[in-house]
Amino acid sequence: MDQERIAMEGNAELVHTMMTVCRERTLKRTHNSDQLSATERQEFQNCILKYFEAPNHIMSAMSSMAPQ
């Protein structure tokens, strides 16, 4: 049970960090609307997708380095 809780807390922290970083990278400092523009929305989605794709690239690189 403790391991599950630790994993869930770690996952929540990862998602929070990912959202914060993507928000900082994609939203303009002068943004004062409660809605995102189409450009901001696309940039934010692309940022999030990069985070989700990263483990695949790492695993692929590790697999290619493994002795055969």
N, C-alpha and C. Protein backbone atom coordinates (compact mmCIF):
# COMPACT_ATOMS: atom_id res chain seq x y z
N MET A 1 0.82 -1.19 0.00
CA MET A 1 0.00 0.00 0.00
C MET A 1 0.86 1.26 0.00
N ASP A 2 1.92 1.28 0.78
CA ASP A 2 2.79 2.45 0.82
C ASP A 2 3.45 2.69 -0.53
N GLN A 3 3.83 1.61 -1.22
CA GLN A 3 4.45 1.76 -2.53
C GLN A 3 3.48 2.37 -3.53
N GLU A 4 2.21 1.96 -3.46
CA GLU A 4 1.21 2.53 -4.35
C GLU A 4 1.04 4.02 -4.07
N ARG A 5 0.98 4.38 -2.81
CA ARG A 5 0.83 5.78 -2.44
C ARG A 5 2.02 6.60 -2.89
N ILE A 6 3.20 6.07 -2.72
CA ILE A 6 4.42 6.76 -3.16
C ILE A 6 4.41 6.94 -4.67
N ALA A 7 4.01 5.90 -5.39
CA ALA A 7 3.94 5.98 -6.85
C ALA A 7 2.91 7.02 -7.29
N MET A 8 1.75 7.03 -6.62
CA MET A 8 0.71 8.00 -6.97
C MET A 8 1.16 9.43 -6.68
N GLU A 9 1.84 9.63 -5.55
CA GLU A 9 2.34 10.96 -5.21
C GLU A 9 3.42 11.40 -6.20
N GLY A 10 4.28 10.48 -6.59
CA GLY A 10 5.31 10.79 -7.57
C GLY A 10 4.70 11.15 -8.92
N ASN A 11 3.67 10.41 -9.30
CA ASN A 11 3.00 10.68 -10.57
C ASN A 11 2.31 12.04 -10.53
N ALA A 12 1.67 12.35 -9.41
CA ALA A 12 1.00 13.65 -9.28
C ALA A 12 2.02 14.78 -9.35
N GLU A 13 3.16 14.61 -8.73
CA GLU A 13 4.22 15.64 -8.76
C GLU A 13 4.75 15.80 -10.18
N LEU A 14 4.93 14.70 -10.90
CA LEU A 14 5.40 14.75 -12.27
C LEU A 14 4.42 15.51 -13.16
N VAL A 15 3.14 15.19 -13.03
CA VAL A 15 2.13 15.87 -13.84
C VAL A 15 2.08 17.36 -13.50
N HIS A 16 2.16 17.69 -12.22
CA HIS A 16 2.15 19.09 -11.80
C HIS A 16 3.34 19.84 -12.40
N THR A 17 4.51 19.23 -12.33
CA THR A 17 5.71 19.85 -12.89
C THR A 17 5.59 20.03 -14.39
N MET A 18 5.09 18.99 -15.07
CA MET A 18 4.92 19.04 -16.51
C MET A 18 3.97 20.17 -16.90
N MET A 19 2.86 20.30 -16.19
CA MET A 19 1.89 21.35 -16.48
C MET A 19 2.49 22.73 -16.24
N THR A 20 3.24 22.88 -15.16
CA THR A 20 3.86 24.16 -14.83
C THR A 20 4.88 24.56 -15.89
N VAL A 21 5.74 23.62 -16.27
CA VAL A 21 6.77 23.92 -17.27
C VAL A 21 6.13 24.27 -18.60
N CYS A 22 5.14 23.49 -19.03
CA CYS A 22 4.49 23.76 -20.32
C CYS A 22 3.74 25.09 -20.28
N ARG A 23 3.12 25.39 -19.17
CA ARG A 23 2.41 26.67 -19.04
C ARG A 23 3.41 27.83 -19.16
N GLU A 24 4.54 27.72 -18.49
CA GLU A 24 5.55 28.78 -18.54
C GLU A 24 6.15 28.92 -19.92
N ARG A 25 6.31 27.81 -20.64
CA ARG A 25 6.92 27.85 -21.97
C ARG A 25 5.98 28.35 -23.05
N THR A 26 4.69 28.14 -22.87
CA THR A 26 3.78 28.41 -23.99
C THR A 26 2.87 29.61 -23.80
N LEU A 27 2.55 29.98 -22.58
CA LEU A 27 1.65 31.11 -22.38
C LEU A 27 2.45 32.39 -22.25
N LYS A 28 1.98 33.41 -22.92
CA LYS A 28 2.65 34.70 -22.86
C LYS A 28 2.46 35.32 -21.48
N ARG A 29 3.45 36.05 -21.03
CA ARG A 29 3.37 36.72 -19.71
C ARG A 29 2.23 37.74 -19.68
N THR A 30 1.90 38.29 -20.84
CA THR A 30 0.85 39.30 -20.91
C THR A 30 -0.53 38.69 -21.10
N HIS A 31 -0.63 37.37 -21.03
CA HIS A 31 -1.92 36.69 -21.22
C HIS A 31 -2.88 37.11 -20.12
N ASN A 32 -4.01 37.69 -20.52
CA ASN A 32 -4.96 38.15 -19.51
C ASN A 32 -6.38 37.65 -19.77
N SER A 33 -6.53 36.71 -20.67
CA SER A 33 -7.84 36.15 -20.98
C SER A 33 -8.02 34.83 -20.25
N ASP A 34 -9.27 34.45 -20.02
CA ASP A 34 -9.50 33.14 -19.40
C ASP A 34 -9.54 32.03 -20.45
N GLN A 35 -9.39 32.41 -21.72
CA GLN A 35 -9.37 31.44 -22.82
C GLN A 35 -7.98 31.42 -23.47
N LEU A 36 -7.61 30.27 -24.02
CA LEU A 36 -6.36 30.16 -24.76
C LEU A 36 -6.61 30.43 -26.24
N SER A 37 -5.67 31.06 -26.89
CA SER A 37 -5.77 31.22 -28.34
C SER A 37 -5.48 29.86 -28.97
N ALA A 38 -5.79 29.72 -30.23
CA ALA A 38 -5.54 28.46 -30.93
C ALA A 38 -4.04 28.14 -30.94
N THR A 39 -3.22 29.16 -31.10
CA THR A 39 -1.77 28.97 -31.10
C THR A 39 -1.28 28.51 -29.73
N GLU A 40 -1.75 29.18 -28.68
CA GLU A 40 -1.35 28.80 -27.33
C GLU A 40 -1.79 27.38 -27.00
N ARG A 41 -3.00 27.04 -27.40
CA ARG A 41 -3.51 25.70 -27.14
C ARG A 41 -2.66 24.64 -27.85
N GLN A 42 -2.31 24.90 -29.12
CA GLN A 42 -1.50 23.95 -29.89
C GLN A 42 -0.11 23.82 -29.29
N GLU A 43 0.51 24.93 -28.91
CA GLU A 43 1.84 24.89 -28.31
C GLU A 43 1.82 24.14 -26.98
N PHE A 44 0.79 24.36 -26.18
CA PHE A 44 0.67 23.67 -24.90
C PHE A 44 0.50 22.17 -25.12
N GLN A 45 -0.35 21.79 -26.05
CA GLN A 45 -0.56 20.36 -26.35
C GLN A 45 0.73 19.71 -26.84
N ASN A 46 1.47 20.41 -27.70
CA ASN A 46 2.74 19.87 -28.19
C ASN A 46 3.74 19.67 -27.06
N CYS A 47 3.78 20.60 -26.13
CA CYS A 47 4.67 20.49 -24.98
C CYS A 47 4.31 19.26 -24.14
N ILE A 48 3.03 19.09 -23.85
CA ILE A 48 2.57 17.94 -23.06
C ILE A 48 2.91 16.64 -23.78
N LEU A 49 2.68 16.59 -25.09
CA LEU A 49 2.98 15.37 -25.85
C LEU A 49 4.45 15.02 -25.81
N LYS A 50 5.32 16.02 -25.83
CA LYS A 50 6.76 15.76 -25.74
C LYS A 50 7.11 15.07 -24.43
N TYR A 51 6.48 15.50 -23.34
CA TYR A 51 6.72 14.85 -22.05
C TYR A 51 6.27 13.40 -22.06
N PHE A 52 5.13 13.12 -22.68
CA PHE A 52 4.63 11.75 -22.71
C PHE A 52 5.44 10.86 -23.65
N GLU A 53 6.07 11.44 -24.67
CA GLU A 53 6.87 10.67 -25.61
C GLU A 53 8.28 10.40 -25.10
N ALA A 54 8.76 11.18 -24.17
CA ALA A 54 10.14 11.05 -23.69
C ALA A 54 10.49 9.64 -23.20
N PRO A 55 9.65 8.99 -22.38
CA PRO A 55 10.02 7.63 -21.93
C PRO A 55 10.19 6.65 -23.09
N ASN A 56 9.40 6.81 -24.16
CA ASN A 56 9.55 5.93 -25.32
C ASN A 56 10.91 6.10 -25.97
N HIS A 57 11.36 7.34 -26.09
CA HIS A 57 12.67 7.60 -26.70
C HIS A 57 13.79 7.05 -25.82
N ILE A 58 13.66 7.20 -24.53
CA ILE A 58 14.67 6.68 -23.60
C ILE A 58 14.74 5.16 -23.68
N MET A 59 13.58 4.51 -23.64
CA MET A 59 13.56 3.04 -23.71
C MET A 59 14.11 2.55 -25.05
N SER A 60 13.80 3.24 -26.12
CA SER A 60 14.31 2.86 -27.43
C SER A 60 15.83 2.98 -27.46
N ALA A 61 16.36 4.06 -26.91
CA ALA A 61 17.81 4.26 -26.89
C ALA A 61 18.47 3.20 -26.03
N MET A 62 17.86 2.87 -24.89
CA MET A 62 18.43 1.84 -24.02
C MET A 62 18.40 0.47 -24.69
N SER A 63 17.34 0.19 -25.43
CA SER A 63 17.23 -1.10 -26.12
C SER A 63 18.30 -1.22 -27.21
N SER A 64 18.56 -0.13 -27.88
CA SER A 64 19.56 -0.18 -28.96
C SER A 64 20.97 -0.32 -28.40
N MET A 65 21.19 0.06 -27.14
CA MET A 65 22.51 -0.06 -26.53
C MET A 65 22.73 -1.41 -25.86
N ALA A 66 21.65 -2.15 -25.66
CA ALA A 66 21.75 -3.44 -24.98
C ALA A 66 22.49 -4.45 -25.84
N PRO A 67 23.34 -5.28 -25.20
CA PRO A 67 24.05 -6.31 -25.97
C PRO A 67 23.06 -7.31 -26.56
N GLN A 68 23.35 -7.74 -27.75
CA GLN A 68 22.42 -8.65 -28.44
C GLN A 68 22.90 -10.07 -28.40
